[in-house]
Amino acid sequence: MEPVHLAIAPVDRREGSRVGGNPPRCFAGDTLVETHDYLLTLAASAAEWLLGRELSVFVRRGFTIGDDDLEYPDIGVHAVLHEPSGRGDGIVGRHPGLGSAALISAPVDAEEAPFVRIARDPVLIQNEPSYAHAVEADGYQFLFQVNEEGWPVSDAPDPEFVEEYLFGYGSVYFYGRLDSKGAAQIVVPGFLDF
């Protein structure tokens, strides 16, 4: 699998890979949005292991890096595989501290860190592989990471795109179980590194 990098675009869109804004329509009325805020969606075409589905990530409302739920299996982040679904109209579950933008393909060799990195192996901040022991021991393999170094630092799309860093200017690493066709059956957050 070739690495895929996604960066935050200076424009928004209702379909495809995106960050912030209203959660996908398919979560309207879902109890998850009563306790978690929407972070991002990876489009069905973003990774081969999605096989036609999208993946959305939610953060427990009120989550901070000072909390106890920073590692698998109790981490305060949730990943959900679902059928493709554009942005909904309801604001329940919208993260109040985030702007709304598209995620677009970025050069893998760019100097700037991507906001999302999809690859076989993680890029660790503290170079401490033991953080992954618990999630890997349960049979999960690395799929992607969300890196706060990839938040926009210019006036585009908005100088106040993120009010405060959600993960201590760090990364969240996501793992999954794949079936014999390479499709993710479940995706879980493994740990925070900051």
N, C-alpha and C. Protein backbone atom coordinates (compact mmCIF):
# COMPACT_ATOMS: atom_id res chain seq x y z
N MET A 1 0.84 -1.18 0.00
CA MET A 1 0.00 0.00 0.00
C MET A 1 0.89 1.24 0.00
N GLU A 2 0.65 2.11 -0.96
CA GLU A 2 1.37 3.38 -1.03
C GLU A 2 0.75 4.34 -0.01
N PRO A 3 1.57 5.12 0.69
CA PRO A 3 1.01 6.10 1.64
C PRO A 3 0.12 7.12 0.93
N VAL A 4 -0.89 7.56 1.64
CA VAL A 4 -1.79 8.61 1.18
C VAL A 4 -1.76 9.72 2.22
N HIS A 5 -1.56 10.95 1.78
CA HIS A 5 -1.59 12.10 2.68
C HIS A 5 -2.78 12.98 2.33
N LEU A 6 -3.50 13.41 3.36
CA LEU A 6 -4.62 14.32 3.17
C LEU A 6 -4.37 15.59 3.97
N ALA A 7 -4.59 16.72 3.33
CA ALA A 7 -4.40 18.03 3.95
C ALA A 7 -5.74 18.76 4.00
N ILE A 8 -5.83 19.74 4.87
CA ILE A 8 -7.04 20.54 4.99
C ILE A 8 -7.05 21.58 3.87
N ALA A 9 -8.13 21.58 3.11
CA ALA A 9 -8.26 22.47 1.94
C ALA A 9 -8.75 23.85 2.36
N PRO A 10 -8.54 24.85 1.51
CA PRO A 10 -9.05 26.19 1.80
C PRO A 10 -10.54 26.34 1.51
N VAL A 11 -11.19 25.26 1.10
CA VAL A 11 -12.62 25.27 0.80
C VAL A 11 -13.29 24.10 1.50
N ASP A 12 -14.60 24.16 1.58
CA ASP A 12 -15.38 23.09 2.21
C ASP A 12 -16.09 22.29 1.13
N ARG A 13 -16.59 21.12 1.50
CA ARG A 13 -17.47 20.36 0.62
C ARG A 13 -18.35 19.46 1.49
N ARG A 14 -19.49 19.10 0.94
CA ARG A 14 -20.47 18.30 1.69
C ARG A 14 -20.24 16.80 1.53
N GLU A 15 -19.50 16.40 0.51
CA GLU A 15 -19.26 14.99 0.22
C GLU A 15 -17.77 14.70 0.27
N GLY A 16 -17.40 13.43 0.32
CA GLY A 16 -15.99 13.06 0.26
C GLY A 16 -15.28 13.23 1.58
N SER A 17 -13.95 13.24 1.54
CA SER A 17 -13.14 13.42 2.76
C SER A 17 -13.28 14.85 3.23
N ARG A 18 -13.50 15.01 4.54
CA ARG A 18 -13.74 16.33 5.09
C ARG A 18 -13.47 16.34 6.59
N VAL A 19 -13.33 17.54 7.15
CA VAL A 19 -13.05 17.70 8.57
C VAL A 19 -13.97 18.78 9.13
N GLY A 20 -14.42 18.58 10.38
CA GLY A 20 -15.26 19.56 11.04
C GLY A 20 -16.61 19.71 10.38
N GLY A 21 -17.37 20.69 10.86
CA GLY A 21 -18.70 20.92 10.32
C GLY A 21 -19.71 19.92 10.87
N ASN A 22 -20.85 19.85 10.21
CA ASN A 22 -21.90 18.93 10.65
C ASN A 22 -21.50 17.49 10.35
N PRO A 23 -21.88 16.56 11.24
CA PRO A 23 -21.60 15.14 10.99
C PRO A 23 -22.35 14.65 9.74
N PRO A 24 -21.93 13.51 9.19
CA PRO A 24 -22.65 12.93 8.05
C PRO A 24 -24.13 12.69 8.38
N ARG A 25 -24.97 12.78 7.36
CA ARG A 25 -26.42 12.57 7.50
C ARG A 25 -26.76 11.27 8.20
N CYS A 26 -25.98 10.23 7.95
CA CYS A 26 -26.32 8.91 8.51
C CYS A 26 -26.27 8.89 10.04
N PHE A 27 -25.71 9.93 10.68
CA PHE A 27 -25.65 9.97 12.14
C PHE A 27 -26.79 10.78 12.75
N ALA A 28 -27.69 11.30 11.93
CA ALA A 28 -28.85 12.03 12.45
C ALA A 28 -29.66 11.09 13.34
N GLY A 29 -29.87 11.48 14.57
CA GLY A 29 -30.62 10.66 15.52
C GLY A 29 -29.82 9.57 16.19
N ASP A 30 -28.56 9.38 15.82
CA ASP A 30 -27.69 8.36 16.43
C ASP A 30 -27.28 8.83 17.82
N THR A 31 -27.28 7.93 18.79
CA THR A 31 -26.90 8.31 20.16
C THR A 31 -25.44 8.73 20.27
N LEU A 32 -24.58 8.33 19.33
CA LEU A 32 -23.17 8.71 19.37
C LEU A 32 -23.01 10.23 19.37
N VAL A 33 -23.81 10.94 18.59
CA VAL A 33 -23.66 12.40 18.51
C VAL A 33 -24.20 13.12 19.75
N GLU A 34 -24.82 12.39 20.65
CA GLU A 34 -25.25 12.98 21.92
C GLU A 34 -24.09 13.08 22.90
N THR A 35 -23.05 12.26 22.70
CA THR A 35 -21.92 12.22 23.64
C THR A 35 -20.57 12.53 22.99
N HIS A 36 -20.52 12.55 21.67
CA HIS A 36 -19.27 12.76 20.94
C HIS A 36 -19.44 13.85 19.88
N ASP A 37 -18.35 14.54 19.59
CA ASP A 37 -18.34 15.57 18.55
C ASP A 37 -17.62 15.04 17.32
N TYR A 38 -18.14 15.40 16.17
CA TYR A 38 -17.61 14.96 14.88
C TYR A 38 -16.27 15.61 14.59
N LEU A 39 -15.29 14.80 14.13
CA LEU A 39 -13.98 15.31 13.75
C LEU A 39 -13.79 15.27 12.23
N LEU A 40 -13.93 14.06 11.63
CA LEU A 40 -13.62 13.96 10.19
C LEU A 40 -14.27 12.74 9.57
N THR A 41 -14.28 12.75 8.24
CA THR A 41 -14.71 11.59 7.44
C THR A 41 -13.66 11.32 6.38
N LEU A 42 -13.30 10.04 6.23
CA LEU A 42 -12.47 9.60 5.10
C LEU A 42 -13.42 9.08 4.03
N ALA A 43 -13.30 9.61 2.82
CA ALA A 43 -14.14 9.18 1.70
C ALA A 43 -13.88 7.72 1.36
N ALA A 44 -14.84 7.09 0.73
CA ALA A 44 -14.72 5.68 0.35
C ALA A 44 -13.50 5.41 -0.52
N SER A 45 -13.06 6.42 -1.25
CA SER A 45 -11.90 6.26 -2.14
C SER A 45 -10.56 6.58 -1.47
N ALA A 46 -10.58 6.97 -0.21
CA ALA A 46 -9.35 7.43 0.46
C ALA A 46 -8.36 6.29 0.73
N ALA A 47 -8.87 5.09 1.00
CA ALA A 47 -7.99 3.96 1.33
C ALA A 47 -8.57 2.68 0.77
N GLU A 48 -7.70 1.79 0.32
CA GLU A 48 -8.19 0.54 -0.28
C GLU A 48 -8.94 -0.32 0.72
N TRP A 49 -8.61 -0.23 2.01
CA TRP A 49 -9.29 -1.04 3.02
C TRP A 49 -10.71 -0.56 3.32
N LEU A 50 -11.13 0.59 2.78
CA LEU A 50 -12.50 1.06 2.99
C LEU A 50 -13.49 0.32 2.08
N LEU A 51 -13.04 -0.12 0.92
CA LEU A 51 -13.86 -0.90 -0.03
C LEU A 51 -15.29 -0.36 -0.17
N GLY A 52 -15.40 0.90 -0.56
CA GLY A 52 -16.71 1.48 -0.84
C GLY A 52 -17.41 2.11 0.34
N ARG A 53 -16.87 1.97 1.53
CA ARG A 53 -17.49 2.59 2.70
C ARG A 53 -16.70 3.83 3.10
N GLU A 54 -17.29 4.65 3.92
CA GLU A 54 -16.59 5.79 4.51
C GLU A 54 -16.28 5.47 5.96
N LEU A 55 -15.40 6.27 6.54
CA LEU A 55 -15.08 6.12 7.96
C LEU A 55 -15.15 7.51 8.59
N SER A 56 -15.91 7.63 9.66
CA SER A 56 -15.99 8.91 10.38
C SER A 56 -15.42 8.75 11.77
N VAL A 57 -14.79 9.83 12.25
CA VAL A 57 -14.14 9.85 13.57
C VAL A 57 -14.84 10.88 14.44
N PHE A 58 -15.11 10.49 15.68
CA PHE A 58 -15.75 11.35 16.67
C PHE A 58 -14.88 11.39 17.93
N VAL A 59 -14.92 12.52 18.63
CA VAL A 59 -14.15 12.70 19.87
C VAL A 59 -15.15 12.90 21.01
N ARG A 60 -14.91 12.20 22.12
CA ARG A 60 -15.80 12.34 23.27
C ARG A 60 -15.91 13.81 23.66
N ARG A 61 -17.13 14.28 23.83
CA ARG A 61 -17.36 15.68 24.20
C ARG A 61 -16.64 15.96 25.52
N GLY A 62 -15.85 17.02 25.54
CA GLY A 62 -15.09 17.39 26.73
C GLY A 62 -13.74 16.71 26.84
N PHE A 63 -13.37 15.88 25.87
CA PHE A 63 -12.10 15.15 25.90
C PHE A 63 -10.91 16.10 26.01
N THR A 64 -9.96 15.77 26.89
CA THR A 64 -8.69 16.51 26.97
C THR A 64 -7.56 15.50 27.17
N ILE A 65 -6.34 15.93 26.89
CA ILE A 65 -5.20 15.03 27.06
C ILE A 65 -4.88 14.79 28.52
N GLY A 66 -5.52 15.51 29.43
CA GLY A 66 -5.35 15.26 30.86
C GLY A 66 -6.25 14.16 31.38
N ASP A 67 -7.12 13.65 30.53
CA ASP A 67 -8.04 12.57 30.94
C ASP A 67 -7.32 11.23 30.97
N ASP A 68 -7.99 10.24 31.52
CA ASP A 68 -7.41 8.90 31.63
C ASP A 68 -7.62 8.04 30.38
N ASP A 69 -8.51 8.46 29.48
CA ASP A 69 -8.86 7.62 28.33
C ASP A 69 -8.06 7.99 27.09
N LEU A 70 -6.74 7.73 27.15
CA LEU A 70 -5.84 8.09 26.05
C LEU A 70 -5.33 6.89 25.26
N GLU A 71 -5.66 5.67 25.71
CA GLU A 71 -5.16 4.46 25.04
C GLU A 71 -6.27 3.44 24.87
N TYR A 72 -6.08 2.58 23.87
CA TYR A 72 -6.96 1.44 23.63
C TYR A 72 -7.00 0.57 24.89
N PRO A 73 -8.14 0.05 25.28
CA PRO A 73 -9.43 0.07 24.60
C PRO A 73 -10.36 1.20 25.05
N ASP A 74 -9.89 2.06 25.95
CA ASP A 74 -10.78 3.05 26.56
C ASP A 74 -10.62 4.46 26.04
N ILE A 75 -9.94 4.65 24.94
CA ILE A 75 -9.65 5.99 24.42
C ILE A 75 -10.95 6.75 24.09
N GLY A 76 -10.94 8.04 24.34
CA GLY A 76 -12.14 8.87 24.15
C GLY A 76 -12.38 9.30 22.71
N VAL A 77 -11.99 8.46 21.77
CA VAL A 77 -12.18 8.72 20.34
C VAL A 77 -12.89 7.50 19.77
N HIS A 78 -13.74 7.71 18.79
CA HIS A 78 -14.54 6.62 18.23
C HIS A 78 -14.48 6.68 16.70
N ALA A 79 -14.30 5.54 16.05
CA ALA A 79 -14.27 5.45 14.59
C ALA A 79 -15.42 4.56 14.13
N VAL A 80 -16.14 5.01 13.09
CA VAL A 80 -17.31 4.28 12.61
C VAL A 80 -17.23 4.11 11.09
N LEU A 81 -17.29 2.87 10.62
CA LEU A 81 -17.42 2.57 9.19
C LEU A 81 -18.89 2.70 8.81
N HIS A 82 -19.17 3.31 7.66
CA HIS A 82 -20.56 3.49 7.24
C HIS A 82 -20.64 3.67 5.73
N GLU A 83 -21.83 3.55 5.20
CA GLU A 83 -22.06 3.80 3.77
C GLU A 83 -21.79 5.28 3.49
N PRO A 84 -21.38 5.63 2.27
CA PRO A 84 -21.13 7.04 1.96
C PRO A 84 -22.34 7.92 2.33
N SER A 85 -22.03 9.03 2.98
CA SER A 85 -23.07 9.91 3.49
C SER A 85 -22.53 11.33 3.55
N GLY A 86 -23.19 12.25 2.86
CA GLY A 86 -22.76 13.65 2.87
C GLY A 86 -23.04 14.31 4.20
N ARG A 87 -22.58 15.54 4.33
CA ARG A 87 -22.83 16.30 5.56
C ARG A 87 -24.32 16.42 5.80
N GLY A 88 -24.69 16.24 7.04
CA GLY A 88 -26.09 16.42 7.41
C GLY A 88 -26.41 17.89 7.63
N ASP A 89 -27.68 18.16 7.86
CA ASP A 89 -28.12 19.53 8.13
C ASP A 89 -28.18 19.80 9.62
N GLY A 90 -28.27 18.75 10.43
CA GLY A 90 -28.36 18.93 11.87
C GLY A 90 -27.01 19.26 12.49
N ILE A 91 -27.03 20.10 13.52
CA ILE A 91 -25.77 20.51 14.15
C ILE A 91 -25.45 19.69 15.40
N VAL A 92 -26.33 18.77 15.80
CA VAL A 92 -26.03 17.92 16.95
C VAL A 92 -24.80 17.09 16.60
N GLY A 93 -23.78 17.15 17.45
CA GLY A 93 -22.54 16.43 17.20
C GLY A 93 -21.49 17.26 16.49
N ARG A 94 -21.81 18.48 16.10
CA ARG A 94 -20.82 19.37 15.45
C ARG A 94 -19.84 19.85 16.52
N HIS A 95 -18.55 19.73 16.24
CA HIS A 95 -17.54 20.17 17.21
C HIS A 95 -17.54 21.70 17.23
N PRO A 96 -17.80 22.30 18.39
CA PRO A 96 -17.90 23.76 18.46
C PRO A 96 -16.58 24.49 18.24
N GLY A 97 -15.46 23.79 18.37
CA GLY A 97 -14.16 24.44 18.24
C GLY A 97 -13.47 24.22 16.91
N LEU A 98 -14.21 23.70 15.91
CA LEU A 98 -13.60 23.42 14.61
C LEU A 98 -14.33 24.13 13.48
N GLY A 99 -13.57 24.53 12.49
CA GLY A 99 -14.14 25.01 11.25
C GLY A 99 -14.61 23.82 10.43
N SER A 100 -14.90 24.05 9.17
CA SER A 100 -15.42 23.01 8.29
C SER A 100 -14.70 23.11 6.96
N ALA A 101 -14.08 22.01 6.51
CA ALA A 101 -13.30 22.06 5.26
C ALA A 101 -13.20 20.68 4.63
N ALA A 102 -12.86 20.68 3.36
CA ALA A 102 -12.56 19.44 2.64
C ALA A 102 -11.18 18.95 3.02
N LEU A 103 -10.97 17.65 2.92
CA LEU A 103 -9.63 17.06 3.01
C LEU A 103 -9.24 16.68 1.59
N ILE A 104 -8.06 17.13 1.17
CA ILE A 104 -7.62 16.89 -0.20
C ILE A 104 -6.27 16.18 -0.21
N SER A 105 -6.01 15.49 -1.30
CA SER A 105 -4.75 14.78 -1.46
C SER A 105 -3.59 15.76 -1.39
N ALA A 106 -2.52 15.35 -0.70
CA ALA A 106 -1.32 16.17 -0.56
C ALA A 106 -0.12 15.34 -0.99
N PRO A 107 0.93 15.97 -1.49
CA PRO A 107 2.12 15.22 -1.89
C PRO A 107 2.73 14.47 -0.70
N VAL A 108 3.09 13.22 -0.92
CA VAL A 108 3.66 12.41 0.15
C VAL A 108 5.02 12.93 0.57
N ASP A 109 5.73 13.56 -0.34
CA ASP A 109 7.07 14.04 -0.03
C ASP A 109 7.10 15.51 0.40
N ALA A 110 5.94 16.09 0.68
CA ALA A 110 5.88 17.50 1.09
C ALA A 110 6.53 17.69 2.45
N GLU A 111 7.07 18.88 2.67
CA GLU A 111 7.70 19.18 3.96
C GLU A 111 6.67 19.32 5.07
N GLU A 112 5.48 19.81 4.73
CA GLU A 112 4.45 19.99 5.74
C GLU A 112 3.85 18.63 6.12
N ALA A 113 3.58 18.46 7.40
CA ALA A 113 2.95 17.22 7.86
C ALA A 113 1.51 17.18 7.37
N PRO A 114 1.04 16.02 6.91
CA PRO A 114 -0.37 15.92 6.51
C PRO A 114 -1.26 15.86 7.75
N PHE A 115 -2.50 16.25 7.60
CA PHE A 115 -3.46 16.12 8.70
C PHE A 115 -3.83 14.65 8.88
N VAL A 116 -3.99 13.92 7.77
CA VAL A 116 -4.26 12.48 7.81
C VAL A 116 -3.20 11.77 7.00
N ARG A 117 -2.65 10.71 7.58
CA ARG A 117 -1.65 9.89 6.89
C ARG A 117 -2.14 8.45 6.91
N ILE A 118 -2.38 7.87 5.72
CA ILE A 118 -2.82 6.49 5.57
C ILE A 118 -1.62 5.71 5.06
N ALA A 119 -1.21 4.67 5.79
CA ALA A 119 0.01 3.94 5.41
C ALA A 119 0.05 2.61 6.15
N ARG A 120 1.06 1.81 5.83
CA ARG A 120 1.25 0.52 6.51
C ARG A 120 1.78 0.69 7.93
N ASP A 121 2.64 1.69 8.11
CA ASP A 121 3.30 1.88 9.41
C ASP A 121 3.08 3.30 9.90
N PRO A 122 2.95 3.47 11.21
CA PRO A 122 2.77 4.81 11.77
C PRO A 122 4.08 5.59 11.81
N VAL A 123 3.96 6.90 11.87
CA VAL A 123 5.09 7.77 12.15
C VAL A 123 4.87 8.26 13.58
N LEU A 124 5.69 7.77 14.49
CA LEU A 124 5.51 8.08 15.91
C LEU A 124 6.20 9.38 16.28
N ILE A 125 5.61 10.10 17.20
CA ILE A 125 6.20 11.36 17.67
C ILE A 125 7.30 11.08 18.68
N GLN A 126 7.01 10.22 19.66
CA GLN A 126 7.98 9.92 20.71
C GLN A 126 8.82 8.68 20.41
N ASN A 127 8.59 8.09 19.25
CA ASN A 127 9.32 6.88 18.86
C ASN A 127 9.24 5.80 19.94
N GLU A 128 8.03 5.60 20.45
CA GLU A 128 7.80 4.64 21.53
C GLU A 128 6.80 3.59 21.04
N PRO A 129 7.28 2.51 20.39
CA PRO A 129 6.37 1.51 19.83
C PRO A 129 5.54 0.76 20.87
N SER A 130 5.92 0.81 22.13
CA SER A 130 5.17 0.09 23.16
C SER A 130 3.76 0.64 23.33
N TYR A 131 3.50 1.88 22.89
CA TYR A 131 2.15 2.44 22.98
C TYR A 131 1.15 1.57 22.21
N ALA A 132 1.61 0.89 21.18
CA ALA A 132 0.72 0.09 20.32
C ALA A 132 0.56 -1.35 20.80
N HIS A 133 1.27 -1.75 21.83
CA HIS A 133 1.25 -3.16 22.24
C HIS A 133 -0.16 -3.68 22.51
N ALA A 134 -0.97 -2.94 23.26
CA ALA A 134 -2.30 -3.43 23.64
C ALA A 134 -3.20 -3.63 22.42
N VAL A 135 -3.24 -2.66 21.52
CA VAL A 135 -4.12 -2.76 20.36
C VAL A 135 -3.62 -3.83 19.38
N GLU A 136 -2.31 -3.94 19.22
CA GLU A 136 -1.76 -4.98 18.34
C GLU A 136 -1.94 -6.37 18.93
N ALA A 137 -1.88 -6.49 20.26
CA ALA A 137 -2.07 -7.79 20.91
C ALA A 137 -3.49 -8.32 20.69
N ASP A 138 -4.43 -7.43 20.44
CA ASP A 138 -5.81 -7.84 20.16
C ASP A 138 -6.05 -8.09 18.67
N GLY A 139 -4.98 -8.14 17.88
CA GLY A 139 -5.09 -8.52 16.48
C GLY A 139 -5.35 -7.39 15.50
N TYR A 140 -5.17 -6.16 15.91
CA TYR A 140 -5.38 -5.02 15.01
C TYR A 140 -4.07 -4.61 14.35
N GLN A 141 -4.18 -4.06 13.15
CA GLN A 141 -3.01 -3.54 12.44
C GLN A 141 -3.21 -2.06 12.15
N PHE A 142 -2.10 -1.33 12.04
CA PHE A 142 -2.17 0.11 11.81
C PHE A 142 -2.81 0.41 10.46
N LEU A 143 -3.68 1.45 10.44
CA LEU A 143 -4.32 1.89 9.20
C LEU A 143 -4.01 3.35 8.86
N PHE A 144 -4.17 4.24 9.84
CA PHE A 144 -3.94 5.66 9.56
C PHE A 144 -3.75 6.44 10.86
N GLN A 145 -3.28 7.68 10.69
CA GLN A 145 -3.13 8.56 11.84
C GLN A 145 -3.64 9.95 11.49
N VAL A 146 -4.12 10.64 12.52
CA VAL A 146 -4.53 12.03 12.42
C VAL A 146 -3.48 12.82 13.18
N ASN A 147 -2.83 13.76 12.49
CA ASN A 147 -1.69 14.48 13.04
C ASN A 147 -2.03 15.97 13.17
N GLU A 148 -2.05 16.47 14.40
CA GLU A 148 -2.41 17.87 14.60
C GLU A 148 -1.38 18.84 14.04
N GLU A 149 -0.21 18.38 13.70
CA GLU A 149 0.74 19.26 13.04
C GLU A 149 0.20 19.68 11.66
N GLY A 150 -0.79 18.95 11.18
CA GLY A 150 -1.39 19.25 9.89
C GLY A 150 -2.53 20.26 9.93
N TRP A 151 -2.86 20.80 11.12
CA TRP A 151 -3.88 21.85 11.16
C TRP A 151 -3.40 23.04 10.34
N PRO A 152 -4.30 23.79 9.71
CA PRO A 152 -3.88 24.94 8.91
C PRO A 152 -3.26 26.03 9.79
N VAL A 153 -2.21 26.67 9.27
CA VAL A 153 -1.54 27.73 10.02
C VAL A 153 -1.62 29.07 9.28
N SER A 154 -2.30 29.10 8.17
CA SER A 154 -2.44 30.34 7.40
C SER A 154 -3.87 30.86 7.55
N ASP A 155 -4.22 31.83 6.75
CA ASP A 155 -5.57 32.37 6.78
C ASP A 155 -6.57 31.49 6.04
N ALA A 156 -6.10 30.40 5.43
CA ALA A 156 -7.02 29.54 4.67
C ALA A 156 -7.12 28.19 5.35
N PRO A 157 -8.29 27.63 5.55
CA PRO A 157 -9.57 28.19 5.19
C PRO A 157 -10.05 29.28 6.16
N ASP A 158 -9.50 29.36 7.35
CA ASP A 158 -9.95 30.31 8.35
C ASP A 158 -8.84 30.43 9.38
N PRO A 159 -8.45 31.65 9.77
CA PRO A 159 -7.36 31.79 10.73
C PRO A 159 -7.70 31.16 12.09
N GLU A 160 -8.96 30.99 12.38
CA GLU A 160 -9.40 30.38 13.64
C GLU A 160 -10.01 29.00 13.39
N PHE A 161 -9.45 28.24 12.47
CA PHE A 161 -10.04 26.96 12.08
C PHE A 161 -10.18 26.02 13.26
N VAL A 162 -9.19 25.99 14.13
CA VAL A 162 -9.26 25.15 15.33
C VAL A 162 -8.98 26.03 16.54
N GLU A 163 -9.93 26.05 17.49
CA GLU A 163 -9.79 26.92 18.66
C GLU A 163 -8.65 26.46 19.56
N GLU A 164 -8.57 25.17 19.80
CA GLU A 164 -7.47 24.64 20.60
C GLU A 164 -7.21 23.20 20.16
N TYR A 165 -5.97 22.78 20.30
CA TYR A 165 -5.60 21.44 19.86
C TYR A 165 -6.35 20.40 20.68
N LEU A 166 -6.89 19.41 19.99
CA LEU A 166 -7.67 18.37 20.65
C LEU A 166 -6.80 17.32 21.30
N PHE A 167 -5.60 17.09 20.73
CA PHE A 167 -4.75 15.99 21.15
C PHE A 167 -3.36 16.46 21.57
N GLY A 168 -3.25 17.66 22.15
CA GLY A 168 -1.97 18.15 22.64
C GLY A 168 -0.95 18.38 21.55
N TYR A 169 -1.41 18.80 20.37
CA TYR A 169 -0.56 18.97 19.19
C TYR A 169 0.14 17.65 18.87
N GLY A 170 -0.61 16.57 19.01
CA GLY A 170 -0.07 15.24 18.78
C GLY A 170 -0.80 14.51 17.68
N SER A 171 -0.72 13.18 17.73
CA SER A 171 -1.37 12.32 16.74
C SER A 171 -2.22 11.27 17.43
N VAL A 172 -3.29 10.87 16.75
CA VAL A 172 -4.09 9.72 17.16
C VAL A 172 -3.87 8.65 16.09
N TYR A 173 -3.63 7.43 16.53
CA TYR A 173 -3.29 6.32 15.64
C TYR A 173 -4.46 5.34 15.61
N PHE A 174 -4.91 5.00 14.40
CA PHE A 174 -6.07 4.12 14.23
C PHE A 174 -5.63 2.78 13.65
N TYR A 175 -6.26 1.72 14.17
CA TYR A 175 -5.94 0.34 13.81
C TYR A 175 -7.22 -0.36 13.38
N GLY A 176 -7.07 -1.46 12.65
CA GLY A 176 -8.24 -2.19 12.22
C GLY A 176 -7.98 -3.66 12.01
N ARG A 177 -9.08 -4.39 11.87
CA ARG A 177 -9.03 -5.80 11.48
C ARG A 177 -9.55 -5.88 10.06
N LEU A 178 -8.76 -6.54 9.20
CA LEU A 178 -9.14 -6.68 7.80
C LEU A 178 -9.59 -8.10 7.51
N ASP A 179 -10.56 -8.25 6.60
CA ASP A 179 -10.99 -9.58 6.20
C ASP A 179 -10.07 -10.10 5.09
N SER A 180 -10.41 -11.27 4.53
CA SER A 180 -9.55 -11.88 3.51
C SER A 180 -9.47 -11.06 2.22
N LYS A 181 -10.43 -10.16 2.00
CA LYS A 181 -10.41 -9.29 0.82
C LYS A 181 -9.68 -7.98 1.10
N GLY A 182 -9.21 -7.79 2.33
CA GLY A 182 -8.52 -6.55 2.68
C GLY A 182 -9.44 -5.44 3.14
N ALA A 183 -10.71 -5.75 3.38
CA ALA A 183 -11.67 -4.74 3.84
C ALA A 183 -11.64 -4.65 5.36
N ALA A 184 -11.63 -3.44 5.86
CA ALA A 184 -11.67 -3.24 7.31
C ALA A 184 -13.02 -3.70 7.84
N GLN A 185 -12.98 -4.53 8.86
CA GLN A 185 -14.20 -5.00 9.51
C GLN A 185 -14.56 -4.12 10.70
N ILE A 186 -13.53 -3.61 11.35
CA ILE A 186 -13.69 -2.71 12.49
C ILE A 186 -12.44 -1.84 12.53
N VAL A 187 -12.62 -0.59 12.93
CA VAL A 187 -11.51 0.35 13.09
C VAL A 187 -11.60 0.92 14.49
N VAL A 188 -10.47 0.91 15.20
CA VAL A 188 -10.43 1.42 16.57
C VAL A 188 -9.26 2.39 16.73
N PRO A 189 -9.42 3.39 17.60
CA PRO A 189 -8.27 4.24 17.91
C PRO A 189 -7.34 3.48 18.84
N GLY A 190 -6.05 3.53 18.57
CA GLY A 190 -5.10 2.79 19.39
C GLY A 190 -4.53 3.59 20.54
N PHE A 191 -4.04 4.80 20.26
CA PHE A 191 -3.41 5.61 21.30
C PHE A 191 -3.15 7.01 20.79
N LEU A 192 -2.87 7.88 21.75
CA LEU A 192 -2.45 9.25 21.48
C LEU A 192 -0.96 9.34 21.69
N ASP A 193 -0.28 10.10 20.89
CA ASP A 193 1.16 10.35 21.04
C ASP A 193 1.36 11.85 20.88
N PHE A 194 1.95 12.47 21.90
CA PHE A 194 2.15 13.92 21.83
C PHE A 194 3.40 14.33 22.58
